[in-house]
Amino acid sequence: MIVEIIEYVPNSVVIKTIIKKSTGNISVMSFDSGEGLTEKSSPFDTFAQIIEGKAEIVIDNVSHLLESGYGIIIPAHSFNFIKPNGRFKMISTIIKSGYE
């Protein structure tokens, strides 16, 4: 199972890249309780899917509470961040194709 590819590390966000190509990349991430990602913007569309636990993803100041099995598209150039909601794991898929 994909959720078993990555473990939790105390007080950390762990990122394991599954595939990295010029057209995009797929990474599995684990977030310990209280850990999140600060606000950022990407020039590419990103699909984030929660594979264990729950997370709040804020996109352009709109909050989205996701639980295991749910995903969301983060549009290119939007400001976004991930707020901790306990431990969780997610898959991040960045699509670079179509921006040439």
N, C-alpha and C. Protein backbone atom coordinates (compact mmCIF):
# COMPACT_ATOMS: atom_id res chain seq x y z
N MET A 1 0.83 -1.20 0.00
CA MET A 1 0.00 0.00 0.00
C MET A 1 0.87 1.25 0.00
N ILE A 2 0.42 2.26 -0.70
CA ILE A 2 1.19 3.50 -0.81
C ILE A 2 1.40 4.17 0.54
N VAL A 3 0.44 4.07 1.44
CA VAL A 3 0.54 4.71 2.75
C VAL A 3 1.71 4.16 3.56
N GLU A 4 2.16 2.94 3.25
CA GLU A 4 3.25 2.31 3.99
C GLU A 4 4.63 2.70 3.46
N ILE A 5 4.69 3.44 2.37
CA ILE A 5 5.97 3.84 1.78
C ILE A 5 6.73 4.81 2.68
N ILE A 6 6.01 5.57 3.48
CA ILE A 6 6.64 6.63 4.28
C ILE A 6 6.17 6.52 5.73
N GLU A 7 7.08 6.84 6.64
CA GLU A 7 6.78 6.78 8.07
C GLU A 7 6.72 8.20 8.64
N TYR A 8 6.15 8.31 9.82
CA TYR A 8 6.16 9.58 10.54
C TYR A 8 7.49 9.71 11.28
N VAL A 9 8.00 10.94 11.35
CA VAL A 9 9.19 11.27 12.13
C VAL A 9 8.77 12.37 13.09
N PRO A 10 9.07 12.21 14.39
CA PRO A 10 8.64 13.22 15.37
C PRO A 10 9.06 14.63 14.98
N ASN A 11 8.12 15.57 15.10
CA ASN A 11 8.35 17.00 14.85
C ASN A 11 8.85 17.31 13.43
N SER A 12 8.42 16.52 12.46
CA SER A 12 8.96 16.68 11.10
C SER A 12 7.91 16.50 10.02
N VAL A 13 8.25 17.07 8.87
CA VAL A 13 7.56 16.77 7.61
C VAL A 13 8.56 15.95 6.80
N VAL A 14 8.15 14.78 6.33
CA VAL A 14 9.03 13.91 5.55
C VAL A 14 8.49 13.84 4.13
N ILE A 15 9.37 13.98 3.15
CA ILE A 15 8.98 13.93 1.74
C ILE A 15 9.79 12.86 1.04
N LYS A 16 9.11 11.96 0.35
CA LYS A 16 9.77 10.92 -0.43
C LYS A 16 9.28 11.04 -1.87
N THR A 17 10.20 11.36 -2.78
CA THR A 17 9.84 11.51 -4.18
C THR A 17 9.74 10.14 -4.83
N ILE A 18 8.61 9.88 -5.46
CA ILE A 18 8.36 8.61 -6.14
C ILE A 18 8.86 8.68 -7.58
N ILE A 19 8.55 9.78 -8.24
CA ILE A 19 8.99 9.98 -9.63
C ILE A 19 9.21 11.47 -9.85
N LYS A 20 10.27 11.80 -10.59
CA LYS A 20 10.58 13.20 -10.89
C LYS A 20 10.99 13.27 -12.36
N LYS A 21 10.20 14.01 -13.13
CA LYS A 21 10.48 14.17 -14.56
C LYS A 21 10.28 15.63 -14.94
N SER A 22 10.66 15.97 -16.16
CA SER A 22 10.49 17.36 -16.62
C SER A 22 9.02 17.75 -16.72
N THR A 23 8.12 16.77 -16.85
CA THR A 23 6.69 17.04 -16.97
C THR A 23 5.96 17.07 -15.64
N GLY A 24 6.66 16.73 -14.55
CA GLY A 24 6.03 16.76 -13.23
C GLY A 24 6.66 15.77 -12.28
N ASN A 25 6.15 15.74 -11.06
CA ASN A 25 6.66 14.80 -10.08
C ASN A 25 5.56 14.37 -9.12
N ILE A 26 5.78 13.20 -8.52
CA ILE A 26 4.87 12.64 -7.53
C ILE A 26 5.67 12.39 -6.27
N SER A 27 5.17 12.89 -5.15
CA SER A 27 5.84 12.71 -3.86
C SER A 27 4.83 12.24 -2.82
N VAL A 28 5.30 11.44 -1.88
CA VAL A 28 4.51 11.04 -0.72
C VAL A 28 5.06 11.81 0.46
N MET A 29 4.18 12.37 1.29
CA MET A 29 4.60 13.21 2.40
C MET A 29 3.93 12.75 3.69
N SER A 30 4.68 12.83 4.80
CA SER A 30 4.08 12.58 6.11
C SER A 30 4.32 13.81 6.98
N PHE A 31 3.31 14.15 7.77
CA PHE A 31 3.34 15.32 8.64
C PHE A 31 3.06 14.85 10.06
N ASP A 32 3.99 15.10 10.97
CA ASP A 32 3.74 14.78 12.37
C ASP A 32 2.77 15.81 12.94
N SER A 33 2.15 15.50 14.05
CA SER A 33 1.20 16.43 14.69
C SER A 33 1.84 17.80 14.87
N GLY A 34 1.12 18.84 14.49
CA GLY A 34 1.60 20.21 14.64
C GLY A 34 2.46 20.70 13.50
N GLU A 35 2.77 19.85 12.54
CA GLU A 35 3.61 20.24 11.41
C GLU A 35 2.75 20.53 10.19
N GLY A 36 3.14 21.54 9.41
CA GLY A 36 2.42 21.90 8.20
C GLY A 36 3.38 22.50 7.20
N LEU A 37 2.85 23.14 6.18
CA LEU A 37 3.67 23.84 5.19
C LEU A 37 3.26 25.30 5.17
N THR A 38 4.25 26.18 5.09
CA THR A 38 3.97 27.61 5.08
C THR A 38 3.40 28.03 3.73
N GLU A 39 2.83 29.23 3.70
CA GLU A 39 2.18 29.72 2.48
C GLU A 39 3.19 29.85 1.34
N LYS A 40 2.76 29.37 0.18
CA LYS A 40 3.60 29.45 -1.01
C LYS A 40 2.72 29.49 -2.24
N SER A 41 3.35 29.71 -3.37
CA SER A 41 2.67 29.68 -4.66
C SER A 41 3.55 28.89 -5.62
N SER A 42 2.93 28.12 -6.50
CA SER A 42 3.67 27.34 -7.48
C SER A 42 3.21 27.73 -8.88
N PRO A 43 4.12 27.73 -9.85
CA PRO A 43 3.71 28.04 -11.21
C PRO A 43 2.98 26.89 -11.91
N PHE A 44 2.76 25.78 -11.17
CA PHE A 44 2.15 24.59 -11.75
C PHE A 44 0.93 24.14 -10.95
N ASP A 45 0.00 23.45 -11.62
CA ASP A 45 -1.12 22.83 -10.92
C ASP A 45 -0.59 21.69 -10.06
N THR A 46 -1.20 21.50 -8.89
CA THR A 46 -0.83 20.42 -7.98
C THR A 46 -2.09 19.70 -7.53
N PHE A 47 -2.04 18.37 -7.55
CA PHE A 47 -3.13 17.57 -7.00
C PHE A 47 -2.64 17.01 -5.68
N ALA A 48 -3.34 17.32 -4.59
CA ALA A 48 -2.99 16.82 -3.25
C ALA A 48 -4.08 15.85 -2.81
N GLN A 49 -3.68 14.64 -2.41
CA GLN A 49 -4.64 13.64 -1.94
C GLN A 49 -4.20 13.13 -0.57
N ILE A 50 -5.11 13.18 0.39
CA ILE A 50 -4.83 12.67 1.73
C ILE A 50 -4.97 11.15 1.69
N ILE A 51 -3.94 10.45 2.19
CA ILE A 51 -3.99 8.99 2.20
C ILE A 51 -4.06 8.42 3.61
N GLU A 52 -3.90 9.29 4.62
CA GLU A 52 -4.08 8.86 6.01
C GLU A 52 -4.29 10.11 6.87
N GLY A 53 -5.28 10.07 7.74
CA GLY A 53 -5.55 11.19 8.64
C GLY A 53 -6.38 12.28 7.98
N LYS A 54 -6.24 13.50 8.51
CA LYS A 54 -6.99 14.67 8.02
C LYS A 54 -6.04 15.85 7.91
N ALA A 55 -6.36 16.77 7.00
CA ALA A 55 -5.57 17.99 6.84
C ALA A 55 -6.45 19.12 6.36
N GLU A 56 -6.05 20.32 6.69
CA GLU A 56 -6.71 21.52 6.18
C GLU A 56 -5.78 22.17 5.17
N ILE A 57 -6.26 22.29 3.94
CA ILE A 57 -5.49 22.94 2.89
C ILE A 57 -6.19 24.25 2.56
N VAL A 58 -5.45 25.35 2.68
CA VAL A 58 -6.01 26.68 2.44
C VAL A 58 -5.48 27.17 1.09
N ILE A 59 -6.42 27.47 0.18
CA ILE A 59 -6.08 27.93 -1.17
C ILE A 59 -6.70 29.31 -1.36
N ASP A 60 -5.85 30.31 -1.57
CA ASP A 60 -6.31 31.69 -1.74
C ASP A 60 -7.32 32.08 -0.66
N ASN A 61 -6.96 31.81 0.58
CA ASN A 61 -7.73 32.15 1.79
C ASN A 61 -9.05 31.39 1.93
N VAL A 62 -9.25 30.31 1.16
CA VAL A 62 -10.43 29.46 1.30
C VAL A 62 -9.97 28.13 1.89
N SER A 63 -10.56 27.76 3.03
CA SER A 63 -10.16 26.55 3.75
C SER A 63 -10.90 25.32 3.22
N HIS A 64 -10.16 24.21 3.09
CA HIS A 64 -10.72 22.94 2.64
C HIS A 64 -10.25 21.87 3.62
N LEU A 65 -11.18 21.24 4.32
CA LEU A 65 -10.84 20.17 5.25
C LEU A 65 -10.98 18.84 4.52
N LEU A 66 -9.85 18.13 4.41
CA LEU A 66 -9.83 16.87 3.68
C LEU A 66 -9.50 15.73 4.63
N GLU A 67 -10.08 14.57 4.36
CA GLU A 67 -9.75 13.37 5.13
C GLU A 67 -9.28 12.30 4.17
N SER A 68 -8.84 11.19 4.71
CA SER A 68 -8.28 10.10 3.92
C SER A 68 -9.19 9.73 2.75
N GLY A 69 -8.58 9.67 1.56
CA GLY A 69 -9.31 9.33 0.35
C GLY A 69 -9.75 10.53 -0.46
N TYR A 70 -9.69 11.72 0.12
CA TYR A 70 -10.12 12.93 -0.58
C TYR A 70 -8.92 13.69 -1.12
N GLY A 71 -9.14 14.39 -2.23
CA GLY A 71 -8.08 15.17 -2.84
C GLY A 71 -8.61 16.50 -3.34
N ILE A 72 -7.68 17.36 -3.73
CA ILE A 72 -8.05 18.68 -4.23
C ILE A 72 -6.99 19.15 -5.21
N ILE A 73 -7.41 19.91 -6.21
CA ILE A 73 -6.47 20.52 -7.14
C ILE A 73 -6.14 21.92 -6.63
N ILE A 74 -4.85 22.18 -6.52
CA ILE A 74 -4.37 23.51 -6.15
C ILE A 74 -3.93 24.17 -7.46
N PRO A 75 -4.69 25.16 -7.93
CA PRO A 75 -4.37 25.77 -9.23
C PRO A 75 -3.01 26.48 -9.23
N ALA A 76 -2.39 26.49 -10.39
CA ALA A 76 -1.13 27.20 -10.56
C ALA A 76 -1.29 28.66 -10.12
N HIS A 77 -0.26 29.20 -9.50
CA HIS A 77 -0.17 30.60 -9.08
C HIS A 77 -1.09 30.98 -7.92
N SER A 78 -1.78 30.02 -7.33
CA SER A 78 -2.61 30.34 -6.16
C SER A 78 -1.76 30.23 -4.90
N PHE A 79 -2.06 31.06 -3.92
CA PHE A 79 -1.35 30.99 -2.65
C PHE A 79 -2.02 29.91 -1.81
N ASN A 80 -1.20 29.06 -1.22
CA ASN A 80 -1.75 27.94 -0.46
C ASN A 80 -0.82 27.55 0.67
N PHE A 81 -1.41 26.92 1.69
CA PHE A 81 -0.62 26.33 2.77
C PHE A 81 -1.41 25.21 3.40
N ILE A 82 -0.70 24.38 4.15
CA ILE A 82 -1.31 23.22 4.80
C ILE A 82 -1.24 23.42 6.30
N LYS A 83 -2.42 23.41 6.94
CA LYS A 83 -2.50 23.56 8.39
C LYS A 83 -2.58 22.18 9.02
N PRO A 84 -1.83 21.97 10.09
CA PRO A 84 -1.86 20.67 10.75
C PRO A 84 -3.21 20.38 11.39
N ASN A 85 -3.60 19.13 11.35
CA ASN A 85 -4.83 18.66 11.98
C ASN A 85 -4.53 17.24 12.50
N GLY A 86 -3.48 17.14 13.33
CA GLY A 86 -2.99 15.83 13.75
C GLY A 86 -2.05 15.28 12.70
N ARG A 87 -1.60 14.06 12.89
CA ARG A 87 -0.72 13.40 11.92
C ARG A 87 -1.50 13.07 10.65
N PHE A 88 -0.83 13.22 9.51
CA PHE A 88 -1.46 12.81 8.25
C PHE A 88 -0.40 12.54 7.19
N LYS A 89 -0.82 11.81 6.16
CA LYS A 89 0.03 11.53 5.01
C LYS A 89 -0.73 11.94 3.76
N MET A 90 0.03 12.39 2.75
CA MET A 90 -0.60 12.79 1.50
C MET A 90 0.30 12.50 0.32
N ILE A 91 -0.32 12.45 -0.85
CA ILE A 91 0.41 12.35 -2.12
C ILE A 91 0.29 13.71 -2.80
N SER A 92 1.40 14.22 -3.28
CA SER A 92 1.43 15.48 -4.02
C SER A 92 1.86 15.19 -5.45
N THR A 93 1.01 15.55 -6.41
CA THR A 93 1.31 15.35 -7.82
C THR A 93 1.36 16.71 -8.50
N ILE A 94 2.53 17.08 -8.99
CA ILE A 94 2.72 18.37 -9.66
C ILE A 94 2.75 18.12 -11.16
N ILE A 95 1.89 18.84 -11.89
CA ILE A 95 1.78 18.70 -13.34
C ILE A 95 2.45 19.90 -14.01
N LYS A 96 3.56 19.66 -14.70
CA LYS A 96 4.28 20.75 -15.36
C LYS A 96 3.94 20.85 -16.84
N SER A 97 3.41 19.82 -17.43
CA SER A 97 3.08 19.80 -18.85
C SER A 97 1.98 20.81 -19.16
N GLY A 98 2.10 21.47 -20.30
CA GLY A 98 1.09 22.43 -20.71
C GLY A 98 1.45 23.86 -20.36
N TYR A 99 2.61 24.06 -19.72
CA TYR A 99 3.02 25.41 -19.32
C TYR A 99 4.20 25.91 -20.15
N GLU A 100 4.52 25.18 -21.23
CA GLU A 100 5.67 25.56 -22.05
C GLU A 100 5.40 26.87 -22.77
